[in-house]
Amino acid sequence: MTVKTVGIMSPGDMGSGVGGVLKKNGFRVITALDGRSEDSRRRAREQGIEDVGSLDDLVTASDLILSILVPSEAVSFSQEVAASIMRTGSEVAVADCNAVSPGTALRVNEIVTAAGGKFIDAGIIGGSPRTGAVPRFYASGEYASILAELDGKGISVPVLNGPVGHASGLKMCYAAITKGTAALYASTLMTAKSLDLYGELIHELEGSQAKTLAAMQGVKSISARAFRWIGEMEEIAATFEQAGATPKIHLGAAETFQQIADSSIGHERVGSVDQGRSLEETIAALLIGGK
C-alpha cells in the first residue's frame, strides 16, 4: 500500500515532533483531539497537524496510525481503535510505537487484528524531532513494510527480520540501560544528599569518574520525564521476567521515577524545566514531596 495520510495519537512531545517532520516531508498528518488537553491542541497547531475531531474520523481517513502514548494507555487505545475499525469497516494499519513489553505488543496485536486492522510492532529509540533528532522506529511483524514507507522522511525505520515482539523487545533492552541508568544516577545522588555526603561523592567522582559525573547532569531535567518512565520501567521488568531475568532492578527504577514524579518539581514538563538550576539544587528539590 501507499501511505499518504498518517494519524498521530497523540501529539505529545514525540508524537507532535514526528507529525511535524512527516508533514514537512509531504504526508497529510492528522490527529483526533476530542477530549484531549489544551497542551495537545497547542502542540498540534505548532506542528501543522490537522484535527479531524473523533477517533472514527481518524481511523477512516488514515492509511497508517502511529500510537505514541504512555505505556499504560497502549492496550486501552488499541481497544478503542479496534472498536472504531469494526464500526467503520476500515482496514487501517496501526503501529504501536509505545514502550511496552513483547507480551503487551502481542496482546495489542491480537486486539487490532481481530477487528480487521493491520498491526505493526514498533519501538522508538532516540529523541523527538522537535529537538532536531531523527528517531529510529524499529519495526517488526507482517506489515512492518508499511511503516517503512516513512523511512527517511524525518524519521528512520529499520525493519527487523522477526515477528511481532521483536521491535518492542529491542526497545525494552535499550531503555533498560539508558533510563535504568538514569534512575540509578538519581537515586544515588538523592541518597548521598540525604546522608549529607553529596559534596564528598561529587568530589570523588570528579577525580575518578569524570565521564560518569558528566552523564549525571542529565538528572537536572529528569523531572520532566519521570512520570512517563514509571510504566516503561514496569514493562521492562515484565520483559526481563518473561526472559528469565530478575524484574526487581527495573521495578526499583519505577519506584524511583514515581518518587521523582511526586516531588516538588515533578510537575515540570519538556520546555518548562528550570535551566538555571544546578544538579545539587535539583537533587534537593527531588527530596521534597510535592503532593
Protein backbone atom coordinates (compact mmCIF):
# COMPACT_ATOMS: atom_id res chain seq x y z
CA MET A 1 0.00 0.00 0.00
CA THR A 2 0.98 3.64 -0.39
CA VAL A 3 0.82 5.74 2.76
CA LYS A 4 -0.45 9.25 2.13
CA THR A 5 -2.23 10.11 5.40
CA VAL A 6 -0.71 9.39 8.81
CA GLY A 7 -2.76 9.59 12.00
CA ILE A 8 -0.91 10.52 15.19
CA MET A 9 -2.18 9.63 18.64
CA SER A 10 -1.30 11.63 20.45
CA PRO A 11 0.58 14.90 19.77
CA GLY A 12 2.79 14.85 22.84
CA ASP A 13 6.47 15.78 22.70
CA MET A 14 7.42 12.81 20.50
CA GLY A 15 4.13 12.48 18.63
CA SER A 16 3.91 16.13 17.66
CA GLY A 17 7.56 16.19 16.60
CA VAL A 18 7.12 13.13 14.41
CA GLY A 19 3.91 14.53 12.95
CA GLY A 20 5.64 17.81 12.16
CA VAL A 21 8.52 16.27 10.20
CA LEU A 22 6.20 13.90 8.34
CA LYS A 23 4.08 16.85 7.27
CA LYS A 24 7.18 18.70 6.06
CA ASN A 25 8.02 15.61 4.02
CA GLY A 26 4.75 15.60 2.13
CA PHE A 27 2.37 13.48 4.20
CA ARG A 28 -1.03 14.57 5.35
CA VAL A 29 -0.82 14.30 9.15
CA ILE A 30 -3.96 14.19 11.26
CA THR A 31 -5.00 13.60 14.85
CA ALA A 32 -8.20 13.34 16.90
CA LEU A 33 -8.31 15.87 19.71
CA ASP A 34 -11.79 15.27 21.11
CA GLY A 35 -11.29 15.14 24.88
CA ARG A 36 -7.59 15.99 24.65
CA SER A 37 -5.81 18.71 26.64
CA GLU A 38 -5.12 22.26 25.53
CA ASP A 39 -1.41 21.40 25.55
CA SER A 40 -2.06 18.67 22.98
CA ARG A 41 -4.05 21.12 20.85
CA ARG A 42 -1.26 23.69 21.05
CA ARG A 43 1.43 21.20 20.03
CA ALA A 44 -0.71 20.02 17.11
CA ARG A 45 -1.20 23.59 15.90
CA GLU A 46 2.51 24.35 16.22
CA GLN A 47 3.40 21.38 14.02
CA GLY A 48 0.62 21.87 11.48
CA ILE A 49 -1.16 18.65 12.43
CA GLU A 50 -4.82 18.64 11.35
CA ASP A 51 -7.51 17.86 13.95
CA VAL A 52 -10.25 15.68 12.47
CA GLY A 53 -12.18 15.52 15.74
CA SER A 54 -13.30 11.96 16.50
CA LEU A 55 -11.42 8.67 16.54
CA ASP A 56 -13.77 7.25 13.89
CA ASP A 57 -12.82 10.12 11.58
CA LEU A 58 -9.13 9.45 12.27
CA VAL A 59 -9.50 5.74 11.53
CA THR A 60 -11.38 6.23 8.27
CA ALA A 61 -9.08 9.00 6.98
CA SER A 62 -5.72 7.40 7.90
CA ASP A 63 -3.67 4.91 5.93
CA LEU A 64 -1.44 4.40 8.96
CA ILE A 65 -1.97 5.29 12.62
CA LEU A 66 1.01 5.78 14.94
CA SER A 67 0.12 5.12 18.57
CA ILE A 68 2.61 7.18 20.60
CA LEU A 69 1.34 7.27 24.16
CA VAL A 70 2.44 6.43 27.69
CA PRO A 71 2.75 2.64 28.09
CA SER A 72 -0.28 2.39 30.38
CA GLU A 73 -2.54 3.63 27.57
CA ALA A 74 -1.31 1.26 24.86
CA VAL A 75 -3.85 -1.52 25.43
CA SER A 76 -6.84 0.73 26.11
CA PHE A 77 -6.13 2.77 22.97
CA SER A 78 -5.86 -0.40 20.89
CA GLN A 79 -9.27 -1.42 22.20
CA GLU A 80 -10.70 1.96 21.21
CA VAL A 81 -9.13 1.70 17.74
CA ALA A 82 -10.38 -1.87 17.32
CA ALA A 83 -13.94 -0.80 18.18
CA SER A 84 -13.66 2.04 15.66
CA ILE A 85 -12.32 -0.29 12.96
CA MET A 86 -15.30 -2.57 13.48
CA ARG A 87 -17.76 0.35 13.38
CA THR A 88 -16.28 1.85 10.24
CA GLY A 89 -15.12 -1.22 8.35
CA SER A 90 -11.65 0.26 7.96
CA GLU A 91 -8.57 -1.86 7.27
CA VAL A 92 -6.16 0.78 8.59
CA ALA A 93 -2.63 -0.16 9.61
CA VAL A 94 -1.86 0.52 13.29
CA ALA A 95 1.71 0.82 14.55
CA ASP A 96 2.04 0.51 18.31
CA CYS A 97 5.09 2.68 18.96
CA ASN A 98 4.77 2.62 22.74
CA ALA A 99 7.41 1.48 25.21
CA VAL A 100 5.81 -1.87 26.02
CA SER A 101 6.99 -5.42 26.57
CA PRO A 102 6.80 -8.05 23.82
CA GLY A 103 3.94 -9.62 25.77
CA THR A 104 1.96 -6.40 25.71
CA ALA A 105 2.73 -5.95 21.99
CA LEU A 106 1.34 -9.41 21.29
CA ARG A 107 -1.83 -8.56 23.22
CA VAL A 108 -2.30 -5.34 21.25
CA ASN A 109 -1.68 -7.28 18.04
CA GLU A 110 -4.48 -9.69 18.89
CA ILE A 111 -6.89 -6.84 19.62
CA VAL A 112 -6.18 -4.93 16.41
CA THR A 113 -6.05 -7.91 14.03
CA ALA A 114 -9.21 -9.45 15.46
CA ALA A 115 -11.02 -6.25 14.48
CA GLY A 116 -9.65 -6.36 10.93
CA GLY A 117 -6.74 -3.93 11.22
CA LYS A 118 -3.12 -4.44 10.15
CA PHE A 119 -0.78 -4.42 13.16
CA ILE A 120 2.84 -3.25 13.25
CA ASP A 121 5.09 -3.68 16.28
CA ALA A 122 7.34 -0.63 16.65
CA GLY A 123 9.84 0.63 19.19
CA ILE A 124 11.17 4.20 19.23
CA ILE A 125 14.80 4.87 20.10
CA GLY A 126 16.07 8.44 20.05
CA GLY A 127 14.81 11.94 20.78
CA SER A 128 11.91 13.92 19.40
CA PRO A 129 12.29 15.71 16.05
CA ARG A 130 11.17 18.80 17.98
CA THR A 131 14.80 18.99 19.17
CA GLY A 132 16.27 18.19 15.76
CA ALA A 133 16.70 14.47 16.46
CA VAL A 134 15.94 11.73 13.93
CA PRO A 135 14.40 8.91 15.99
CA ARG A 136 14.60 5.30 14.90
CA PHE A 137 11.29 3.46 14.65
CA TYR A 138 12.31 -0.18 14.74
CA ALA A 139 9.55 -2.26 13.15
CA SER A 140 8.66 -5.94 13.08
CA GLY A 141 5.82 -8.18 12.07
CA GLU A 142 3.99 -8.99 8.84
CA TYR A 143 3.10 -5.39 7.99
CA ALA A 144 6.37 -3.69 9.02
CA SER A 145 6.94 -2.64 5.40
CA ILE A 146 4.01 -0.21 5.68
CA LEU A 147 5.76 1.72 8.46
CA ALA A 148 8.97 1.53 6.41
CA GLU A 149 7.35 3.89 3.87
CA LEU A 150 8.11 6.66 6.38
CA ASP A 151 11.84 5.90 6.38
CA GLY A 152 13.95 8.92 5.54
CA LYS A 153 11.00 11.29 5.97
CA GLY A 154 12.27 12.87 9.16
CA ILE A 155 12.47 9.52 10.95
CA SER A 156 14.43 6.31 10.38
CA VAL A 157 12.58 2.98 10.13
CA PRO A 158 14.88 -0.06 10.44
CA VAL A 159 12.85 -3.22 9.78
CA LEU A 160 13.75 -6.23 11.92
CA ASN A 161 13.56 -9.69 10.40
CA GLY A 162 11.31 -11.07 13.10
CA PRO A 163 7.74 -11.40 14.36
CA VAL A 164 5.63 -9.08 16.48
CA GLY A 165 7.50 -8.56 19.76
CA HIS A 166 10.97 -8.14 18.27
CA ALA A 167 10.79 -4.35 17.92
CA SER A 168 9.28 -3.93 21.38
CA GLY A 169 11.86 -6.27 22.85
CA LEU A 170 14.73 -4.28 21.38
CA LYS A 171 13.26 -1.06 22.75
CA MET A 172 12.92 -2.64 26.21
CA CYS A 173 16.53 -3.83 26.26
CA TYR A 174 17.82 -0.44 25.12
CA ALA A 175 15.73 1.57 27.59
CA ALA A 176 16.69 -0.83 30.37
CA ILE A 177 20.21 0.56 30.01
CA THR A 178 19.57 4.23 29.27
CA LYS A 179 16.62 5.01 31.54
CA GLY A 180 17.58 2.38 34.09
CA THR A 181 20.93 4.15 34.44
CA ALA A 182 19.13 7.49 34.84
CA ALA A 183 17.17 6.03 37.74
CA LEU A 184 20.38 4.73 39.32
CA TYR A 185 22.05 8.13 38.99
CA ALA A 186 19.09 9.96 40.50
CA SER A 187 18.56 7.56 43.40
CA THR A 188 22.30 7.51 44.21
CA LEU A 189 22.58 11.30 44.29
CA MET A 190 19.39 11.56 46.36
CA THR A 191 20.79 9.03 48.84
CA ALA A 192 24.12 10.87 49.09
CA LYS A 193 22.28 14.14 49.69
CA SER A 194 20.15 12.56 52.42
CA LEU A 195 23.28 11.20 54.11
CA ASP A 196 24.93 14.65 53.92
CA LEU A 197 27.61 13.15 51.68
CA TYR A 198 26.70 14.85 48.39
CA GLY A 199 29.79 17.09 48.26
CA GLU A 200 32.13 14.26 49.14
CA LEU A 201 30.63 11.99 46.46
CA ILE A 202 30.87 14.68 43.78
CA HIS A 203 34.49 15.37 44.76
CA GLU A 204 35.38 11.69 44.41
CA LEU A 205 33.55 11.40 41.08
CA GLU A 206 35.39 14.46 39.75
CA GLY A 207 38.68 12.70 40.35
CA SER A 208 37.85 9.11 39.44
CA GLN A 209 34.66 9.06 37.32
CA ALA A 210 34.55 12.35 35.39
CA LYS A 211 32.61 10.87 32.48
CA THR A 212 30.02 9.37 34.81
CA LEU A 213 29.63 12.68 36.62
CA ALA A 214 29.12 14.44 33.27
CA ALA A 215 26.40 11.95 32.39
CA MET A 216 24.73 12.60 35.75
CA GLN A 217 24.00 16.15 34.62
CA GLY A 218 21.04 14.66 32.77
CA VAL A 219 19.31 14.26 36.14
CA LYS A 220 18.69 18.03 36.08
CA SER A 221 15.84 17.52 33.58
CA ILE A 222 14.61 14.11 34.76
CA SER A 223 11.62 15.75 36.49
CA ALA A 224 10.04 16.38 33.07
CA ARG A 225 10.13 12.71 32.03
CA ALA A 226 9.82 10.65 35.19
CA PHE A 227 6.02 10.41 35.02
CA ARG A 228 6.31 8.81 31.57
CA TRP A 229 9.01 6.38 32.61
CA ILE A 230 7.19 4.72 35.52
CA GLY A 231 5.10 2.49 33.27
CA GLU A 232 8.04 1.92 30.95
CA MET A 233 10.13 0.51 33.81
CA GLU A 234 7.25 -1.81 34.71
CA GLU A 235 7.08 -3.02 31.10
CA ILE A 236 10.85 -3.59 31.12
CA ALA A 237 10.52 -5.55 34.36
CA ALA A 238 7.87 -7.73 32.72
CA THR A 239 10.15 -8.24 29.70
CA PHE A 240 13.04 -9.32 31.91
CA GLU A 241 10.85 -11.67 33.90
CA GLN A 242 9.48 -13.27 30.73
CA ALA A 243 13.08 -13.81 29.61
CA GLY A 244 14.04 -15.45 32.89
CA ALA A 245 15.92 -12.48 34.37
CA THR A 246 15.06 -10.64 37.58
CA PRO A 247 12.39 -7.94 37.26
CA LYS A 248 13.45 -6.31 40.52
CA ILE A 249 16.06 -3.92 39.11
CA HIS A 250 13.54 -2.06 36.99
CA LEU A 251 10.68 -2.31 39.46
CA GLY A 252 13.04 -0.37 41.74
CA ALA A 253 13.65 2.11 38.92
CA ALA A 254 9.88 2.54 38.59
CA GLU A 255 9.70 3.39 42.29
CA THR A 256 12.47 5.95 41.84
CA PHE A 257 10.64 7.63 38.96
CA GLN A 258 7.43 7.63 40.99
CA GLN A 259 9.25 9.42 43.80
CA ILE A 260 10.57 11.96 41.32
CA ALA A 261 7.13 12.46 39.77
CA ASP A 262 5.73 13.07 43.26
CA SER A 263 8.45 15.56 44.17
CA SER A 264 8.18 19.33 44.33
CA ILE A 265 9.36 19.61 40.71
CA GLY A 266 7.60 16.53 39.35
CA HIS A 267 5.08 18.76 37.59
CA GLU A 268 7.73 20.05 35.16
CA ARG A 269 7.48 19.06 31.51
CA VAL A 270 9.74 19.36 28.49
CA GLY A 271 10.06 23.09 27.85
CA SER A 272 9.32 24.16 31.42
CA VAL A 273 12.37 22.78 33.25
CA ASP A 274 14.35 25.41 35.17
CA GLN A 275 17.51 25.54 33.07
CA GLY A 276 19.36 27.61 35.66
CA ARG A 277 19.01 25.02 38.41
CA SER A 278 22.19 23.24 39.44
CA LEU A 279 22.44 19.48 39.84
CA GLU A 280 22.60 19.80 43.64
CA GLU A 281 19.57 22.10 43.69
CA THR A 282 17.71 19.58 41.54
CA ILE A 283 18.53 16.72 43.91
CA ALA A 284 17.40 18.79 46.91
CA ALA A 285 14.08 19.50 45.14
CA LEU A 286 13.60 15.82 44.29
CA LEU A 287 13.77 15.01 48.01
CA ILE A 288 10.84 17.32 48.76
CA GLY A 289 7.38 15.85 48.24
CA GLY A 290 5.10 17.91 46.06
CA LYS A 291 1.82 16.17 46.76
